[in-house]
N, C-alpha and C. Protein backbone atom coordinates (compact mmCIF):
# COMPACT_ATOMS: atom_id res chain seq x y z
N MET A 1 1.01 -1.34 -0.12
CA MET A 1 -0.09 0.05 -0.23
C MET A 1 1.05 1.49 0.27
N SER A 2 1.45 2.39 -0.78
CA SER A 2 1.67 3.15 -1.26
C SER A 2 1.13 4.28 0.30
N GLU A 3 1.95 5.00 0.42
CA GLU A 3 1.62 5.69 1.39
C GLU A 3 1.70 7.24 0.97
N GLY A 4 0.72 7.45 -0.19
CA GLY A 4 0.87 8.57 -0.95
C GLY A 4 0.19 9.74 -0.25
N ASN A 5 0.22 10.63 -1.08
CA ASN A 5 -0.42 12.11 -0.42
C ASN A 5 -1.78 11.68 -0.26
N TYR A 6 -2.72 11.30 -0.94
CA TYR A 6 -4.06 11.16 -0.65
C TYR A 6 -4.86 12.67 -0.65
N SER A 7 -4.67 14.05 -1.41
CA SER A 7 -4.82 15.37 -1.51
C SER A 7 -6.42 15.32 -1.90
N SER A 8 -7.19 14.37 -3.00
CA SER A 8 -8.51 14.50 -3.17
C SER A 8 -9.13 13.14 -2.45
N LYS A 9 -10.51 13.51 -2.74
CA LYS A 9 -11.65 12.66 -1.91
C LYS A 9 -11.51 11.32 -2.26
N GLU A 10 -11.58 11.38 -3.88
CA GLU A 10 -11.84 10.48 -4.91
C GLU A 10 -10.70 9.35 -4.25
N GLU A 11 -9.37 9.57 -4.27
CA GLU A 11 -8.02 8.97 -3.32
C GLU A 11 -8.14 8.34 -2.47
N LEU A 12 -8.76 8.76 -1.50
CA LEU A 12 -9.28 8.58 -0.01
C LEU A 12 -10.08 7.70 -0.05
N ASN A 13 -11.14 7.49 -1.14
CA ASN A 13 -12.68 6.58 -1.02
C ASN A 13 -11.48 5.38 -1.72
N ARG A 14 -11.15 5.58 -2.89
CA ARG A 14 -9.92 4.34 -3.71
C ARG A 14 -9.39 3.78 -2.97
N LEU A 15 -8.80 4.33 -1.98
CA LEU A 15 -7.73 3.90 -0.29
C LEU A 15 -8.50 2.97 0.30
N TRP A 16 -9.75 3.40 0.60
CA TRP A 16 -10.73 2.87 1.74
C TRP A 16 -11.34 1.74 1.26
N GLU A 17 -11.57 1.32 -0.32
CA GLU A 17 -12.11 0.80 -0.60
C GLU A 17 -11.09 -0.52 -0.86
N GLN A 18 -9.78 -0.22 -1.54
CA GLN A 18 -8.87 -1.28 -1.80
C GLN A 18 -8.54 -2.02 -0.34
N LEU A 19 -7.91 -0.86 0.73
CA LEU A 19 -8.08 -2.07 2.45
C LEU A 19 -9.74 -2.45 2.81
N ASP A 20 -10.30 -2.24 2.25
CA ASP A 20 -12.00 -3.07 3.02
C ASP A 20 -11.75 -4.25 2.04
N ARG A 21 -11.24 -4.01 0.80
CA ARG A 21 -11.45 -5.73 -0.21
C ARG A 21 -10.50 -6.16 0.57
N GLU A 22 -9.00 -5.85 0.71
CA GLU A 22 -7.93 -6.63 1.61
C GLU A 22 -8.63 -7.34 2.74
N ALA A 23 -8.94 -6.37 3.61
CA ALA A 23 -9.48 -6.67 5.23
C ALA A 23 -10.88 -8.26 4.87
N MET A 24 -11.83 -7.90 4.02
CA MET A 24 -12.33 -8.85 3.91
C MET A 24 -11.82 -10.31 3.58
N ASP A 25 -10.90 -10.24 2.09
CA ASP A 25 -10.25 -11.50 1.86
C ASP A 25 -9.46 -11.85 2.86
N TYR A 26 -8.92 -11.16 3.77
CA TYR A 26 -8.19 -11.69 4.86
C TYR A 26 -8.77 -12.09 6.37
N LYS A 27 -10.65 -11.63 6.11
CA LYS A 27 -10.79 -12.23 7.18
C LYS A 27 -10.99 -11.60 8.09
N ALA A 28 -10.49 -10.04 8.19
CA ALA A 28 -9.91 -8.98 9.21
C ALA A 28 -11.03 -7.92 9.04
N SER A 29 -11.69 -7.49 9.38
CA SER A 29 -12.60 -6.68 9.30
C SER A 29 -11.78 -5.17 9.66
N HIS A 30 -11.11 -5.35 10.73
CA HIS A 30 -10.44 -4.36 11.50
C HIS A 30 -9.08 -3.93 10.91
N MET A 31 -8.67 -4.55 9.48
CA MET A 31 -7.70 -4.33 8.98
C MET A 31 -7.62 -3.12 8.85
N ALA A 32 -8.70 -2.81 7.63
CA ALA A 32 -8.89 -1.25 7.00
C ALA A 32 -8.57 -0.14 8.02
N TYR A 33 -9.17 -0.06 9.49
CA TYR A 33 -8.85 0.77 10.13
C TYR A 33 -8.09 1.06 10.73
N VAL A 34 -7.00 -0.21 11.08
CA VAL A 34 -5.79 0.13 11.61
C VAL A 34 -4.65 0.23 10.73
N LYS A 35 -4.80 0.34 9.12
CA LYS A 35 -4.25 0.40 8.06
C LYS A 35 -4.01 1.85 7.88
N LEU A 36 -5.55 2.52 7.86
CA LEU A 36 -5.74 3.73 7.76
C LEU A 36 -5.07 4.71 8.84
N LYS A 37 -5.25 4.28 10.13
CA LYS A 37 -4.97 5.21 11.72
C LYS A 37 -3.33 4.61 11.22
N GLU A 38 -2.59 4.17 11.03
CA GLU A 38 -1.21 4.07 10.86
C GLU A 38 -0.72 5.32 9.65
N MET A 39 -1.65 5.32 8.92
CA MET A 39 -1.19 6.37 7.21
C MET A 39 -1.66 7.84 8.19
N TYR A 40 -2.77 7.94 8.50
CA TYR A 40 -3.21 9.29 9.18
C TYR A 40 -2.34 9.74 10.09
N ALA A 41 -1.59 8.70 10.88
CA ALA A 41 -0.38 9.26 11.54
C ALA A 41 0.41 9.99 11.15
N ARG A 42 0.74 9.32 10.40
CA ARG A 42 1.79 9.81 9.48
C ARG A 42 1.80 11.32 8.16
N TRP A 43 0.11 11.39 7.61
CA TRP A 43 -0.07 12.46 6.88
C TRP A 43 0.43 14.03 7.13
N ASP A 44 0.24 14.70 6.49
CA ASP A 44 0.74 16.07 6.48
C ASP A 44 -0.41 16.78 6.66
N GLN A 45 -0.88 17.70 7.29
CA GLN A 45 -1.79 18.42 7.99
C GLN A 45 -2.96 18.47 6.70
N ASP A 46 -2.21 19.19 5.56
CA ASP A 46 -3.37 19.21 4.54
C ASP A 46 -3.84 17.82 3.73
N THR A 47 -3.42 16.82 3.82
CA THR A 47 -3.79 15.74 3.82
C THR A 47 -5.12 14.99 4.84
N ARG A 48 -4.27 15.67 6.17
CA ARG A 48 -5.21 15.16 7.07
C ARG A 48 -6.54 16.02 7.26
N ARG A 49 -6.75 17.21 6.64
CA ARG A 49 -7.79 18.30 6.59
C ARG A 49 -8.75 17.56 5.92
N ASN A 50 -7.86 16.87 4.51
CA ASN A 50 -8.58 16.41 3.53
C ASN A 50 -9.59 15.37 3.69
N ALA A 51 -8.67 14.19 4.72
CA ALA A 51 -8.81 13.11 5.29
C ALA A 51 -10.67 13.30 6.11
N ILE A 52 -10.27 14.26 7.04
CA ILE A 52 -11.55 14.57 8.14
C ILE A 52 -12.39 15.16 7.58
N GLU A 53 -12.63 15.83 6.48
CA GLU A 53 -13.78 15.82 5.03
C GLU A 53 -14.53 14.49 4.92
N VAL A 54 -13.63 13.53 4.57
CA VAL A 54 -14.11 12.34 3.85
C VAL A 54 -14.76 11.58 4.94
N PHE A 55 -13.62 11.41 6.20
CA PHE A 55 -14.25 10.84 7.38
C PHE A 55 -15.64 11.70 7.59
N ALA A 56 -15.89 12.39 7.49
CA ALA A 56 -17.23 13.19 7.87
C ALA A 56 -18.57 12.57 6.80
N GLU A 57 -18.11 12.40 5.54
CA GLU A 57 -18.62 11.67 4.46
C GLU A 57 -18.98 10.61 4.71
N TRP A 58 -18.04 9.99 5.36
CA TRP A 58 -18.21 8.46 5.71
C TRP A 58 -19.21 7.93 6.42
N LEU A 59 -19.43 9.04 7.41
CA LEU A 59 -20.36 8.65 8.63
C LEU A 59 -21.77 8.63 7.64
N ARG A 60 -22.47 9.32 6.51
CA ARG A 60 -23.69 9.33 6.29
C ARG A 60 -23.72 8.16 5.44
N SER A 61 -22.56 7.14 5.15
CA SER A 61 -22.59 6.05 4.18
C SER A 61 -23.13 5.40 5.00
N GLU A 62 -24.18 4.52 3.71
CA GLU A 62 -25.11 3.44 4.02
C GLU A 62 -24.09 1.73 4.52
N ASN A 63 -23.01 1.96 4.58
CA ASN A 63 -21.98 1.02 4.25
C ASN A 63 -21.40 0.78 5.99
N ALA A 64 -21.82 -0.02 7.01
CA ALA A 64 -21.41 -0.14 8.38
C ALA A 64 -20.03 -0.34 8.50
N ARG A 65 -19.02 -0.60 7.67
CA ARG A 65 -18.20 -1.02 7.74
C ARG A 65 -17.08 0.46 7.57
N LYS A 66 -17.60 0.94 6.74
CA LYS A 66 -17.25 2.53 5.93
C LYS A 66 -17.39 3.12 7.85
N ARG A 67 -18.09 3.43 7.84
CA ARG A 67 -18.71 3.99 9.17
C ARG A 67 -17.98 4.02 10.25
N PHE A 68 -18.00 2.32 10.90
CA PHE A 68 -16.96 2.12 11.61
C PHE A 68 -15.79 2.52 11.41
N ASP A 69 -15.05 2.42 10.65
CA ASP A 69 -13.90 3.04 10.09
C ASP A 69 -13.87 4.70 10.31
N ALA A 70 -14.65 4.91 9.68
CA ALA A 70 -14.67 6.83 10.15
C ALA A 70 -15.04 7.35 11.94
N LEU A 71 -15.84 6.39 12.24
CA LEU A 71 -16.16 6.24 13.91
C LEU A 71 -14.92 6.54 14.68
N SER A 72 -14.34 5.20 14.25
CA SER A 72 -12.96 4.56 15.11
C SER A 72 -11.74 5.85 14.82
N LEU A 73 -11.59 6.73 13.55
CA LEU A 73 -10.99 6.96 13.41
C LEU A 73 -10.82 8.56 13.92
N ILE A 74 -12.09 8.81 14.04
CA ILE A 74 -12.49 10.33 14.86
C ILE A 74 -12.55 10.18 16.01
N ASP A 75 -12.67 8.98 16.65
CA ASP A 75 -12.23 8.79 17.96
C ASP A 75 -11.12 8.99 18.10
N GLU A 76 -10.29 7.89 17.27
CA GLU A 76 -9.07 8.19 17.70
C GLU A 76 -7.80 9.02 17.85
N PHE A 77 -8.24 9.98 16.80
CA PHE A 77 -7.44 11.04 16.74
C PHE A 77 -8.39 12.34 17.26
N ASP A 78 -9.34 12.17 17.92
CA ASP A 78 -9.99 13.32 18.54
C ASP A 78 -10.04 14.43 17.72
N ILE A 79 -10.94 13.85 16.51
CA ILE A 79 -11.28 15.03 15.77
C ILE A 79 -12.39 15.60 15.44
N VAL A 80 -12.52 16.81 16.10
CA VAL A 80 -13.52 17.94 17.01
C VAL A 80 -14.12 18.23 15.90
N ASP A 81 -13.31 18.48 14.30
CA ASP A 81 -13.68 18.71 13.09
C ASP A 81 -15.20 18.09 13.00
N ALA A 82 -15.26 16.61 13.40
CA ALA A 82 -16.01 15.83 12.97
C ALA A 82 -17.73 15.95 13.37
N ARG A 83 -17.37 16.97 14.71
CA ARG A 83 -18.51 17.31 15.83
C ARG A 83 -19.85 16.98 14.72
N PRO A 84 -20.39 18.17 13.90
CA PRO A 84 -21.58 17.92 12.97
C PRO A 84 -22.24 17.11 12.53
N ALA A 85 -21.12 16.33 11.54
CA ALA A 85 -21.22 15.03 11.11
C ALA A 85 -22.05 14.06 12.06
N LEU A 86 -21.07 14.17 13.24
CA LEU A 86 -21.10 12.99 14.09
C LEU A 86 -23.08 13.07 14.71
N GLU A 87 -23.35 14.64 14.88
CA GLU A 87 -24.42 15.19 15.71
C GLU A 87 -25.75 14.25 14.67
N SER A 88 -25.38 14.76 13.32
CA SER A 88 -26.39 14.55 12.33
C SER A 88 -26.58 12.78 12.16
N LEU A 89 -25.28 12.04 12.32
CA LEU A 89 -25.39 10.84 12.15
C LEU A 89 -26.20 10.09 13.77
N ALA A 90 -26.23 11.16 14.53
CA ALA A 90 -27.10 10.53 15.70
C ALA A 90 -28.27 10.84 15.59
N MET A 91 -28.55 11.32 14.61
CA MET A 91 -30.19 11.76 14.73
C MET A 91 -30.76 10.90 13.90
N SER A 92 -29.67 10.22 13.01
CA SER A 92 -30.57 9.54 11.98
C SER A 92 -30.52 8.31 12.63
N LEU A 93 -29.59 8.06 13.34
CA LEU A 93 -29.75 6.35 14.14
C LEU A 93 -30.51 6.39 14.83
N VAL A 94 -31.46 7.29 15.95
CA VAL A 94 -32.62 7.52 16.46
C VAL A 94 -33.57 7.18 15.63
N ALA A 95 -33.80 7.52 14.39
CA ALA A 95 -35.14 7.02 13.69
C ALA A 95 -34.53 5.64 13.03
N ARG A 96 -33.85 4.90 13.39
CA ARG A 96 -33.04 3.88 12.80
C ARG A 96 -33.62 2.51 13.58
N PRO A 97 -34.25 1.20 12.95
CA PRO A 97 -34.75 0.45 14.25
C PRO A 97 -33.58 -0.41 14.07
N GLY A 98 -33.76 -1.29 15.24
CA GLY A 98 -32.95 -2.62 15.22
C GLY A 98 -31.53 -2.55 16.36
N PRO A 99 -31.50 -3.68 16.73
CA PRO A 99 -30.08 -3.20 17.67
C PRO A 99 -28.58 -2.67 17.29
N GLU A 100 -28.59 -2.61 15.80
CA GLU A 100 -27.44 -2.27 15.31
C GLU A 100 -27.21 -0.86 15.56
N ALA A 101 -27.86 0.12 15.21
CA ALA A 101 -28.68 1.09 15.13
C ALA A 101 -28.27 1.79 16.71
N LYS A 102 -29.27 1.33 17.60
CA LYS A 102 -28.84 1.67 18.76
C LYS A 102 -27.49 1.38 19.31
N HIS A 103 -26.66 0.26 19.10
CA HIS A 103 -25.66 0.28 19.41
C HIS A 103 -24.52 1.38 18.94
N GLU A 104 -24.91 1.47 17.62
CA GLU A 104 -23.92 3.28 17.05
C GLU A 104 -24.28 4.00 17.55
N LEU A 105 -25.97 4.25 17.90
CA LEU A 105 -26.21 5.42 18.64
C LEU A 105 -25.33 5.44 19.79
N LYS A 106 -25.01 4.71 20.46
CA LYS A 106 -24.44 4.63 22.02
C LYS A 106 -22.85 4.97 21.35
N ARG A 107 -22.46 4.51 20.65
CA ARG A 107 -21.01 4.66 20.23
C ARG A 107 -20.86 6.17 20.24
N VAL A 108 -21.64 6.75 19.22
CA VAL A 108 -21.59 8.28 18.49
C VAL A 108 -21.63 8.94 19.86
N ASN A 109 -22.70 8.86 20.67
CA ASN A 109 -23.06 9.76 21.60
C ASN A 109 -21.73 9.82 22.89
N GLU A 110 -21.40 8.46 22.56
CA GLU A 110 -19.88 8.83 23.73
C GLU A 110 -18.69 9.47 23.13
N ILE A 111 -18.45 9.14 21.60
CA ILE A 111 -17.55 10.35 20.94
C ILE A 111 -18.02 11.87 21.04
N LEU A 112 -19.42 11.88 20.99
CA LEU A 112 -19.62 13.34 21.20
C LEU A 112 -19.49 13.86 22.54
N GLN A 113 -19.59 13.18 23.56
CA GLN A 113 -19.43 13.43 24.89
C GLN A 113 -17.84 13.89 24.82
N ARG A 114 -16.91 13.04 24.38
CA ARG A 114 -15.51 13.36 24.54
C ARG A 114 -14.67 14.21 24.33
N LEU A 115 -15.52 14.91 22.68
CA LEU A 115 -14.87 15.46 21.72
C LEU A 115 -15.17 16.90 22.52
C-alpha cells in the first residue's frame, strides 16, 4: 500500500475501498481501520484536513464498515471538526430500527461526549 498524499476525496475513497477489500479477503474486518490509523498518523496537515472531510462523509454512508472506520478514526484522533457530522449521524440513527442502530448511536454519543 502506497503512503501517498491522498490529496483528493476520490483518492481517499479508493484507498478505503482497496483496504476494505483486502480486509474482507483476509477475513480481518478491522484491518482497514488499522492501516488507515497508521497512515493518518503520518500524513501532513493538508492531507489530514482533506481526510477529516472524507471521514465526515463516510459517516453518512450506508456501508456500516465505512461508518465504523470513520467513527474509529474520529475517536482515535479526537477529530473535533467531525462533531457536526457526528450529530447528524446521531439524529439519523435515532430513527433507524434494530439493535445495530442502537449500538452505533451509543458509540456516537460516547464520542460526542469526549470531543
